[in-house]
């Protein structure tokens, strides 16, 4: 399969590519949710998993982090934020 650079794609091809990326992210999130109970407490999960666990939007997650309802995430570099599974389990069981 030949992959075109993004600037050479038609609008329709860009939409298809965006849908494929979204489907891939959803599949990864679904896999992480299925295995959440098997993850060790030292593991970390990203925002999509936390959104599904709490059943709310990213904005509400950040609001609840400020209020102390959701545990604060850990930064792994300038662009990676993840939550500790053990801390999430403790917060969810309270």
PDB file of N, CA and C in Angstrom:
ATOM      1  N   UNK A   1       0.845  -1.180   0.000  1.00  0.00           N
ATOM      2  CA  UNK A   1       0.000   0.000   0.000  1.00  0.00           C
ATOM      3  C   UNK A   1       0.885   1.234   0.000  1.00  0.00           C
ATOM      4  N   UNK A   2       0.587   2.157  -0.854  1.00  0.00           N
ATOM      5  CA  UNK A   2       1.333   3.402  -0.958  1.00  0.00           C
ATOM      6  C   UNK A   2       0.655   4.435  -0.067  1.00  0.00           C
ATOM      7  N   UNK A   3       1.445   5.083   0.796  1.00  0.00           N
ATOM      8  CA  UNK A   3       0.894   6.093   1.694  1.00  0.00           C
ATOM      9  C   UNK A   3       1.267   7.467   1.169  1.00  0.00           C
ATOM     10  N   UNK A   4       0.250   8.299   0.974  1.00  0.00           N
ATOM     11  CA  UNK A   4       0.491   9.663   0.512  1.00  0.00           C
ATOM     12  C   UNK A   4       0.768  10.568   1.704  1.00  0.00           C
ATOM     13  N   UNK A   5       1.531  11.627   1.480  1.00  0.00           N
ATOM     14  CA  UNK A   5       1.712  12.635   2.513  1.00  0.00           C
ATOM     15  C   UNK A   5       0.386  13.343   2.721  1.00  0.00           C
ATOM     16  N   UNK A   6       0.164  13.807   3.956  1.00  0.00           N
ATOM     17  CA  UNK A   6      -1.110  14.439   4.330  1.00  0.00           C
ATOM     18  C   UNK A   6      -1.486  15.596   3.404  1.00  0.00           C
ATOM     19  N   UNK A   7      -0.523  16.415   2.979  1.00  0.00           N
ATOM     20  CA  UNK A   7      -0.881  17.576   2.161  1.00  0.00           C
ATOM     21  C   UNK A   7      -1.325  17.204   0.754  1.00  0.00           C
ATOM     22  N   UNK A   8      -1.049  15.968   0.320  1.00  0.00           N
ATOM     23  CA  UNK A   8      -1.444  15.534  -1.014  1.00  0.00           C
ATOM     24  C   UNK A   8      -2.742  14.731  -1.013  1.00  0.00           C
ATOM     25  N   UNK A   9      -3.344  14.548   0.126  1.00  0.00           N
ATOM     26  CA  UNK A   9      -4.589  13.792   0.207  1.00  0.00           C
ATOM     27  C   UNK A   9      -5.770  14.671  -0.171  1.00  0.00           C
ATOM     28  N   UNK A  10      -6.777  14.050  -0.739  1.00  0.00           N
ATOM     29  CA  UNK A  10      -8.015  14.775  -1.007  1.00  0.00           C
ATOM     30  C   UNK A  10      -8.770  14.928   0.312  1.00  0.00           C
ATOM     31  N   UNK A  11      -9.782  15.762   0.317  1.00  0.00           N
ATOM     32  CA  UNK A  11     -10.577  15.970   1.531  1.00  0.00           C
ATOM     33  C   UNK A  11     -11.216  14.659   1.995  1.00  0.00           C
ATOM     34  N   UNK A  12     -11.704  13.879   1.047  1.00  0.00           N
ATOM     35  CA  UNK A  12     -12.331  12.594   1.386  1.00  0.00           C
ATOM     36  C   UNK A  12     -11.310  11.648   2.006  1.00  0.00           C
ATOM     37  N   UNK A  13     -10.107  11.601   1.444  1.00  0.00           N
ATOM     38  CA  UNK A  13      -9.055  10.736   1.982  1.00  0.00           C
ATOM     39  C   UNK A  13      -8.632  11.189   3.375  1.00  0.00           C
ATOM     40  N   UNK A  14      -8.620  12.502   3.613  1.00  0.00           N
ATOM     41  CA  UNK A  14      -8.298  13.014   4.946  1.00  0.00           C
ATOM     42  C   UNK A  14      -9.346  12.584   5.962  1.00  0.00           C
ATOM     43  N   UNK A  15     -10.630  12.632   5.561  1.00  0.00           N
ATOM     44  CA  UNK A  15     -11.704  12.197   6.459  1.00  0.00           C
ATOM     45  C   UNK A  15     -11.591  10.710   6.778  1.00  0.00           C
ATOM     46  N   UNK A  16     -11.295   9.908   5.766  1.00  0.00           N
ATOM     47  CA  UNK A  16     -11.136   8.467   5.981  1.00  0.00           C
ATOM     48  C   UNK A  16      -9.954   8.208   6.915  1.00  0.00           C
ATOM     49  N   UNK A  17      -8.849   8.903   6.715  1.00  0.00           N
ATOM     50  CA  UNK A  17      -7.676   8.736   7.572  1.00  0.00           C
ATOM     51  C   UNK A  17      -7.995   9.126   9.015  1.00  0.00           C
ATOM     52  N   UNK A  18      -8.745  10.204   9.199  1.00  0.00           N
ATOM     53  CA  UNK A  18      -9.126  10.638  10.538  1.00  0.00           C
ATOM     54  C   UNK A  18     -10.016   9.603  11.215  1.00  0.00           C
ATOM     55  N   UNK A  19     -10.952   9.036  10.453  1.00  0.00           N
ATOM     56  CA  UNK A  19     -11.832   7.999  11.015  1.00  0.00           C
ATOM     57  C   UNK A  19     -11.033   6.761  11.414  1.00  0.00           C
ATOM     58  N   UNK A  20     -10.053   6.388  10.604  1.00  0.00           N
ATOM     59  CA  UNK A  20      -9.217   5.229  10.932  1.00  0.00           C
ATOM     60  C   UNK A  20      -8.393   5.479  12.196  1.00  0.00           C
ATOM     61  N   UNK A  21      -7.849   6.689  12.334  1.00  0.00           N
ATOM     62  CA  UNK A  21      -7.088   7.016  13.544  1.00  0.00           C
ATOM     63  C   UNK A  21      -7.981   6.965  14.768  1.00  0.00           C
ATOM     64  N   UNK A  22      -9.202   7.489  14.654  1.00  0.00           N
ATOM     65  CA  UNK A  22     -10.141   7.483  15.771  1.00  0.00           C
ATOM     66  C   UNK A  22     -10.518   6.053  16.146  1.00  0.00           C
ATOM     67  N   UNK A  23     -10.762   5.211  15.162  1.00  0.00           N
ATOM     68  CA  UNK A  23     -11.114   3.813  15.418  1.00  0.00           C
ATOM     69  C   UNK A  23      -9.959   3.084  16.115  1.00  0.00           C
ATOM     70  N   UNK A  24      -8.741   3.382  15.706  1.00  0.00           N
ATOM     71  CA  UNK A  24      -7.577   2.749  16.335  1.00  0.00           C
ATOM     72  C   UNK A  24      -7.461   3.177  17.789  1.00  0.00           C
ATOM     73  N   UNK A  25      -7.670   4.474  18.076  1.00  0.00           N
ATOM     74  CA  UNK A  25      -7.614   4.956  19.469  1.00  0.00           C
ATOM     75  C   UNK A  25      -8.703   4.306  20.309  1.00  0.00           C
ATOM     76  N   UNK A  26      -9.906   4.165  19.754  1.00  0.00           N
ATOM     77  CA  UNK A  26     -11.005   3.550  20.486  1.00  0.00           C
ATOM     78  C   UNK A  26     -10.723   2.079  20.766  1.00  0.00           C
ATOM     79  N   UNK A  27     -10.105   1.379  19.825  1.00  0.00           N
ATOM     80  CA  UNK A  27      -9.770  -0.030  20.028  1.00  0.00           C
ATOM     81  C   UNK A  27      -8.750  -0.187  21.153  1.00  0.00           C
ATOM     82  N   UNK A  28      -7.769   0.689  21.188  1.00  0.00           N
ATOM     83  CA  UNK A  28      -6.757   0.637  22.250  1.00  0.00           C
ATOM     84  C   UNK A  28      -7.403   0.917  23.599  1.00  0.00           C
ATOM     85  N   UNK A  29      -8.274   1.922  23.644  1.00  0.00           N
ATOM     86  CA  UNK A  29      -8.968   2.253  24.891  1.00  0.00           C
ATOM     87  C   UNK A  29      -9.820   1.082  25.348  1.00  0.00           C
ATOM     88  N   UNK A  30     -10.530   0.450  24.428  1.00  0.00           N
ATOM     89  CA  UNK A  30     -11.378  -0.694  24.767  1.00  0.00           C
ATOM     90  C   UNK A  30     -10.535  -1.839  25.338  1.00  0.00           C
ATOM     91  N   UNK A  31      -9.381  -2.105  24.737  1.00  0.00           N
ATOM     92  CA  UNK A  31      -8.493  -3.157  25.242  1.00  0.00           C
ATOM     93  C   UNK A  31      -8.013  -2.825  26.642  1.00  0.00           C
ATOM     94  N   UNK A  32      -7.644  -1.575  26.889  1.00  0.00           N
ATOM     95  CA  UNK A  32      -7.173  -1.185  28.210  1.00  0.00           C
ATOM     96  C   UNK A  32      -8.281  -1.293  29.244  1.00  0.00           C
ATOM     97  N   UNK A  33      -9.510  -0.944  28.864  1.00  0.00           N
ATOM     98  CA  UNK A  33     -10.628  -1.075  29.799  1.00  0.00           C
ATOM     99  C   UNK A  33     -10.905  -2.534  30.135  1.00  0.00           C
ATOM    100  N   UNK A  34     -10.818  -3.409  29.135  1.00  0.00           N
ATOM    101  CA  UNK A  34     -11.046  -4.831  29.381  1.00  0.00           C
ATOM    102  C   UNK A  34     -10.011  -5.406  30.337  1.00  0.00           C
ATOM    103  N   UNK A  35      -8.764  -4.926  30.252  1.00  0.00           N
ATOM    104  CA  UNK A  35      -7.702  -5.461  31.097  1.00  0.00           C
ATOM    105  C   UNK A  35      -7.471  -4.650  32.357  1.00  0.00           C
ATOM    106  N   UNK A  36      -8.266  -3.617  32.609  1.00  0.00           N
ATOM    107  CA  UNK A  36      -8.010  -2.719  33.735  1.00  0.00           C
ATOM    108  C   UNK A  36      -7.905  -3.478  35.054  1.00  0.00           C
ATOM    109  N   UNK A  37      -8.787  -4.444  35.276  1.00  0.00           N
ATOM    110  CA  UNK A  37      -8.752  -5.179  36.547  1.00  0.00           C
ATOM    111  C   UNK A  37      -7.522  -6.068  36.667  1.00  0.00           C
ATOM    112  N   UNK A  38      -6.863  -6.360  35.556  1.00  0.00           N
ATOM    113  CA  UNK A  38      -5.667  -7.202  35.581  1.00  0.00           C
ATOM    114  C   UNK A  38      -4.370  -6.397  35.622  1.00  0.00           C
ATOM    115  N   UNK A  39      -4.463  -5.088  35.401  1.00  0.00           N
ATOM    116  CA  UNK A  39      -3.258  -4.259  35.409  1.00  0.00           C
ATOM    117  C   UNK A  39      -2.708  -4.151  36.829  1.00  0.00           C
ATOM    118  N   UNK A  40      -1.393  -4.137  36.981  1.00  0.00           N
ATOM    119  CA  UNK A  40      -0.819  -3.940  38.319  1.00  0.00           C
ATOM    120  C   UNK A  40      -1.053  -2.505  38.783  1.00  0.00           C
ATOM    121  N   UNK A  41      -1.020  -2.303  40.076  1.00  0.00           N
ATOM    122  CA  UNK A  41      -1.236  -0.962  40.624  1.00  0.00           C
ATOM    123  C   UNK A  41      -0.179   0.031  40.162  1.00  0.00           C
ATOM    124  N   UNK A  42       0.967  -0.436  39.729  1.00  0.00           N
ATOM    125  CA  UNK A  42       2.044   0.446  39.283  1.00  0.00           C
ATOM    126  C   UNK A  42       1.870   0.897  37.833  1.00  0.00           C
ATOM    127  N   UNK A  43       0.919   0.318  37.128  1.00  0.00           N
ATOM    128  CA  UNK A  43       0.699   0.661  35.718  1.00  0.00           C
ATOM    129  C   UNK A  43       0.072   2.050  35.605  1.00  0.00           C
ATOM    130  N   UNK A  44       0.111   2.601  34.409  1.00  0.00           N
ATOM    131  CA  UNK A  44      -0.472   3.914  34.142  1.00  0.00           C
ATOM    132  C   UNK A  44      -1.384   3.822  32.921  1.00  0.00           C
ATOM    133  N   UNK A  45      -2.449   4.630  32.934  1.00  0.00           N
ATOM    134  CA  UNK A  45      -3.380   4.690  31.808  1.00  0.00           C
ATOM    135  C   UNK A  45      -3.560   6.144  31.400  1.00  0.00           C
ATOM    136  N   UNK A  46      -3.980   6.352  30.156  1.00  0.00           N
ATOM    137  CA  UNK A  46      -4.117   7.696  29.602  1.00  0.00           C
ATOM    138  C   UNK A  46      -5.544   8.223  29.777  1.00  0.00           C
ATOM    139  N   UNK A  47      -5.764   9.424  29.311  1.00  0.00           N
ATOM    140  CA  UNK A  47      -7.022  10.153  29.523  1.00  0.00           C
ATOM    141  C   UNK A  47      -8.256   9.397  29.042  1.00  0.00           C
ATOM    142  N   UNK A  48      -8.204   8.751  27.874  1.00  0.00           N
ATOM    143  CA  UNK A  48      -9.394   8.067  27.359  1.00  0.00           C
ATOM    144  C   UNK A  48      -9.912   7.011  28.329  1.00  0.00           C
ATOM    145  N   UNK A  49      -9.013   6.280  28.964  1.00  0.00           N
ATOM    146  CA  UNK A  49      -9.428   5.255  29.926  1.00  0.00           C
ATOM    147  C   UNK A  49     -10.062   5.920  31.145  1.00  0.00           C
ATOM    148  N   UNK A  50      -9.453   6.990  31.630  1.00  0.00           N
ATOM    149  CA  UNK A  50      -9.989   7.695  32.798  1.00  0.00           C
ATOM    150  C   UNK A  50     -11.373   8.264  32.491  1.00  0.00           C
ATOM    151  N   UNK A  51     -11.560   8.796  31.278  1.00  0.00           N
ATOM    152  CA  UNK A  51     -12.876   9.311  30.885  1.00  0.00           C
ATOM    153  C   UNK A  51     -13.931   8.212  30.951  1.00  0.00           C
ATOM    154  N   UNK A  52     -13.603   7.033  30.451  1.00  0.00           N
ATOM    155  CA  UNK A  52     -14.563   5.930  30.485  1.00  0.00           C
ATOM    156  C   UNK A  52     -14.812   5.437  31.905  1.00  0.00           C
ATOM    157  N   UNK A  53     -13.774   5.394  32.728  1.00  0.00           N
ATOM    158  CA  UNK A  53     -13.933   4.932  34.109  1.00  0.00           C
ATOM    159  C   UNK A  53     -14.867   5.839  34.901  1.00  0.00           C
ATOM    160  N   UNK A  54     -14.739   7.139  34.697  1.00  0.00           N
ATOM    161  CA  UNK A  54     -15.568   8.100  35.425  1.00  0.00           C
ATOM    162  C   UNK A  54     -16.831   8.490  34.671  1.00  0.00           C
ATOM    163  N   UNK A  55     -16.917   8.146  33.398  1.00  0.00           N
ATOM    164  CA  UNK A  55     -18.109   8.434  32.613  1.00  0.00           C
ATOM    165  C   UNK A  55     -18.344   9.916  32.382  1.00  0.00           C
ATOM    166  N   UNK A  56     -17.274  10.666  32.132  1.00  0.00           N
ATOM    167  CA  UNK A  56     -17.424  12.092  31.887  1.00  0.00           C
ATOM    168  C   UNK A  56     -16.366  12.570  30.891  1.00  0.00           C
ATOM    169  N   UNK A  57     -16.431  13.836  30.561  1.00  0.00           N
ATOM    170  CA  UNK A  57     -15.532  14.406  29.557  1.00  0.00           C
ATOM    171  C   UNK A  57     -14.158  14.725  30.145  1.00  0.00           C
ATOM    172  N   UNK A  58     -13.227  15.048  29.262  1.00  0.00           N
ATOM    173  CA  UNK A  58     -11.880  15.418  29.697  1.00  0.00           C
ATOM    174  C   UNK A  58     -11.916  16.686  30.550  1.00  0.00           C
ATOM    175  N   UNK A  59     -12.751  17.638  30.163  1.00  0.00           N
ATOM    176  CA  UNK A  59     -12.850  18.884  30.941  1.00  0.00           C
ATOM    177  C   UNK A  59     -13.314  18.603  32.365  1.00  0.00           C
ATOM    178  N   UNK A  60     -14.287  17.699  32.504  1.00  0.00           N
ATOM    179  CA  UNK A  60     -14.781  17.346  33.834  1.00  0.00           C
ATOM    180  C   UNK A  60     -13.714  16.595  34.630  1.00  0.00           C
ATOM    181  N   UNK A  61     -12.941  15.746  33.962  1.00  0.00           N
ATOM    182  CA  UNK A  61     -11.838  15.059  34.648  1.00  0.00           C
ATOM    183  C   UNK A  61     -10.880  16.085  35.230  1.00  0.00           C
ATOM    184  N   UNK A  62     -10.461  17.067  34.413  1.00  0.00           N
ATOM    185  CA  UNK A  62      -9.519  18.086  34.897  1.00  0.00           C
ATOM    186  C   UNK A  62     -10.132  18.914  36.024  1.00  0.00           C
ATOM    187  N   UNK A  63     -11.419  19.233  35.925  1.00  0.00           N
ATOM    188  CA  UNK A  63     -12.101  19.959  37.000  1.00  0.00           C
ATOM    189  C   UNK A  63     -12.075  19.152  38.295  1.00  0.00           C
ATOM    190  N   UNK A  64     -12.329  17.842  38.174  1.00  0.00           N
ATOM    191  CA  UNK A  64     -12.348  16.982  39.352  1.00  0.00           C
ATOM    192  C   UNK A  64     -10.951  16.721  39.901  1.00  0.00           C
ATOM    193  N   UNK A  65      -9.929  16.798  39.061  1.00  0.00           N
ATOM    194  CA  UNK A  65      -8.550  16.716  39.564  1.00  0.00           C
ATOM    195  C   UNK A  65      -8.278  17.920  40.456  1.00  0.00           C
ATOM    196  N   UNK A  66      -8.715  19.102  39.995  1.00  0.00           N
ATOM    197  CA  UNK A  66      -8.543  20.315  40.796  1.00  0.00           C
ATOM    198  C   UNK A  66      -9.261  20.216  42.133  1.00  0.00           C
ATOM    199  N   UNK A  67     -10.453  19.618  42.140  1.00  0.00           N
ATOM    200  CA  UNK A  67     -11.248  19.482  43.364  1.00  0.00           C
ATOM    201  C   UNK A  67     -10.739  18.356  44.266  1.00  0.00           C
ATOM    202  N   UNK A  68      -9.880  17.477  43.727  1.00  0.00           N
ATOM    203  CA  UNK A  68      -9.372  16.363  44.520  1.00  0.00           C
ATOM    204  C   UNK A  68     -10.217  15.104  44.428  1.00  0.00           C
ATOM    205  N   UNK A  69     -11.209  15.097  43.558  1.00  0.00           N
ATOM    206  CA  UNK A  69     -12.082  13.925  43.392  1.00  0.00           C
ATOM    207  C   UNK A  69     -11.359  12.842  42.594  1.00  0.00           C
ATOM    208  N   UNK A  70     -10.654  13.252  41.555  1.00  0.00           N
ATOM    209  CA  UNK A  70      -9.866  12.347  40.719  1.00  0.00           C
ATOM    210  C   UNK A  70      -8.397  12.566  41.085  1.00  0.00           C
ATOM    211  N   UNK A  71      -7.619  11.480  41.249  1.00  0.00           N
ATOM    212  CA  UNK A  71      -6.206  11.679  41.586  1.00  0.00           C
ATOM    213  C   UNK A  71      -5.458  12.441  40.492  1.00  0.00           C
ATOM    214  N   UNK A  72      -4.431  13.150  40.901  1.00  0.00           N
ATOM    215  CA  UNK A  72      -3.635  13.918  39.948  1.00  0.00           C
ATOM    216  C   UNK A  72      -2.836  12.978  39.051  1.00  0.00           C
ATOM    217  N   UNK A  73      -2.705  13.322  37.780  1.00  0.00           N
ATOM    218  CA  UNK A  73      -1.932  12.486  36.868  1.00  0.00           C
ATOM    219  C   UNK A  73      -0.434  12.710  37.051  1.00  0.00           C
ATOM    220  N   UNK A  74       0.347  11.852  36.426  1.00  0.00           N
ATOM    221  CA  UNK A  74       1.802  11.968  36.420  1.00  0.00           C
ATOM    222  C   UNK A  74       2.235  12.390  35.028  1.00  0.00           C
ATOM    223  N   UNK A  75       3.237  13.252  34.951  1.00  0.00           N
ATOM    224  CA  UNK A  75       3.769  13.717  33.666  1.00  0.00           C
ATOM    225  C   UNK A  75       4.968  12.860  33.285  1.00  0.00           C
ATOM    226  N   UNK A  76       4.959  12.353  32.072  1.00  0.00           N
ATOM    227  CA  UNK A  76       6.075  11.602  31.513  1.00  0.00           C
ATOM    228  C   UNK A  76       6.540  12.360  30.274  1.00  0.00           C
ATOM    229  N   UNK A  77       7.316  13.389  30.483  1.00  0.00           N
ATOM    230  CA  UNK A  77       7.723  14.226  29.369  1.00  0.00           C
ATOM    231  C   UNK A  77       6.767  15.389  29.212  1.00  0.00           C
ATOM    232  N   UNK A  78       6.987  16.178  28.172  1.00  0.00           N
ATOM    233  CA  UNK A  78       6.192  17.386  27.989  1.00  0.00           C
ATOM    234  C   UNK A  78       4.807  17.115  27.397  1.00  0.00           C
ATOM    235  N   UNK A  79       4.625  15.968  26.752  1.00  0.00           N
ATOM    236  CA  UNK A  79       3.347  15.714  26.071  1.00  0.00           C
ATOM    237  C   UNK A  79       2.626  14.460  26.540  1.00  0.00           C
ATOM    238  N   UNK A  80       3.121  13.802  27.567  1.00  0.00           N
ATOM    239  CA  UNK A  80       2.503  12.555  28.013  1.00  0.00           C
ATOM    240  C   UNK A  80       2.047  12.702  29.463  1.00  0.00           C
ATOM    241  N   UNK A  81       0.763  12.531  29.678  1.00  0.00           N
ATOM    242  CA  UNK A  81       0.165  12.573  31.008  1.00  0.00           C
ATOM    243  C   UNK A  81      -0.586  11.269  31.211  1.00  0.00           C
ATOM    244  N   UNK A  82      -0.369  10.616  32.356  1.00  0.00           N
ATOM    245  CA  UNK A  82      -1.033   9.339  32.613  1.00  0.00           C
ATOM    246  C   UNK A  82      -1.358   9.221  34.098  1.00  0.00           C
ATOM    247  N   UNK A  83      -2.385   8.449  34.383  1.00  0.00           N
ATOM    248  CA  UNK A  83      -2.834   8.236  35.752  1.00  0.00           C
ATOM    249  C   UNK A  83      -2.366   6.878  36.241  1.00  0.00           C
ATOM    250  N   UNK A  84      -2.006   6.822  37.518  1.00  0.00           N
ATOM    251  CA  UNK A  84      -1.586   5.581  38.150  1.00  0.00           C
ATOM    252  C   UNK A  84      -2.827   4.724  38.420  1.00  0.00           C
ATOM    253  N   UNK A  85      -2.767   3.463  38.028  1.00  0.00           N
ATOM    254  CA  UNK A  85      -3.914   2.561  38.163  1.00  0.00           C
ATOM    255  C   UNK A  85      -4.284   2.356  39.633  1.00  0.00           C
ATOM    256  N   UNK A  86      -3.287   2.169  40.491  1.00  0.00           N
ATOM    257  CA  UNK A  86      -3.559   1.971  41.922  1.00  0.00           C
ATOM    258  C   UNK A  86      -4.273   3.161  42.541  1.00  0.00           C
ATOM    259  N   UNK A  87      -3.846   4.381  42.181  1.00  0.00           N
ATOM    260  CA  UNK A  87      -4.492   5.585  42.700  1.00  0.00           C
ATOM    261  C   UNK A  87      -5.928   5.698  42.180  1.00  0.00           C
ATOM    262  N   UNK A  88      -6.146   5.345  40.916  1.00  0.00           N
ATOM    263  CA  UNK A  88      -7.509   5.370  40.362  1.00  0.00           C
ATOM    264  C   UNK A  88      -8.402   4.361  41.069  1.00  0.00           C
ATOM    265  N   UNK A  89      -7.883   3.161  41.313  1.00  0.00           N
ATOM    266  CA  UNK A  89      -8.691   2.140  42.007  1.00  0.00           C
ATOM    267  C   UNK A  89      -9.088   2.621  43.403  1.00  0.00           C
ATOM    268  N   UNK A  90      -8.139   3.225  44.107  1.00  0.00           N
ATOM    269  CA  UNK A  90      -8.439   3.735  45.448  1.00  0.00           C
ATOM    270  C   UNK A  90      -9.510   4.818  45.394  1.00  0.00           C
ATOM    271  N   UNK A  91      -9.388   5.740  44.449  1.00  0.00           N
ATOM    272  CA  UNK A  91     -10.356   6.821  44.316  1.00  0.00           C
ATOM    273  C   UNK A  91     -11.736   6.300  43.899  1.00  0.00           C
ATOM    274  N   UNK A  92     -11.763   5.319  43.018  1.00  0.00           N
ATOM    275  CA  UNK A  92     -13.035   4.776  42.549  1.00  0.00           C
ATOM    276  C   UNK A  92     -13.754   3.965  43.634  1.00  0.00           C
ATOM    277  N   UNK A  93     -12.993   3.330  44.515  1.00  0.00           N
ATOM    278  CA  UNK A  93     -13.621   2.505  45.558  1.00  0.00           C
ATOM    279  C   UNK A  93     -14.065   3.334  46.752  1.00  0.00           C
ATOM    280  N   UNK A  94     -13.663   4.600  46.832  1.00  0.00           N
ATOM    281  CA  UNK A  94     -14.034   5.455  47.965  1.00  0.00           C
ATOM    282  C   UNK A  94     -15.455   5.947  47.839  1.00  0.00           C
TER     283      UNK A  94
END
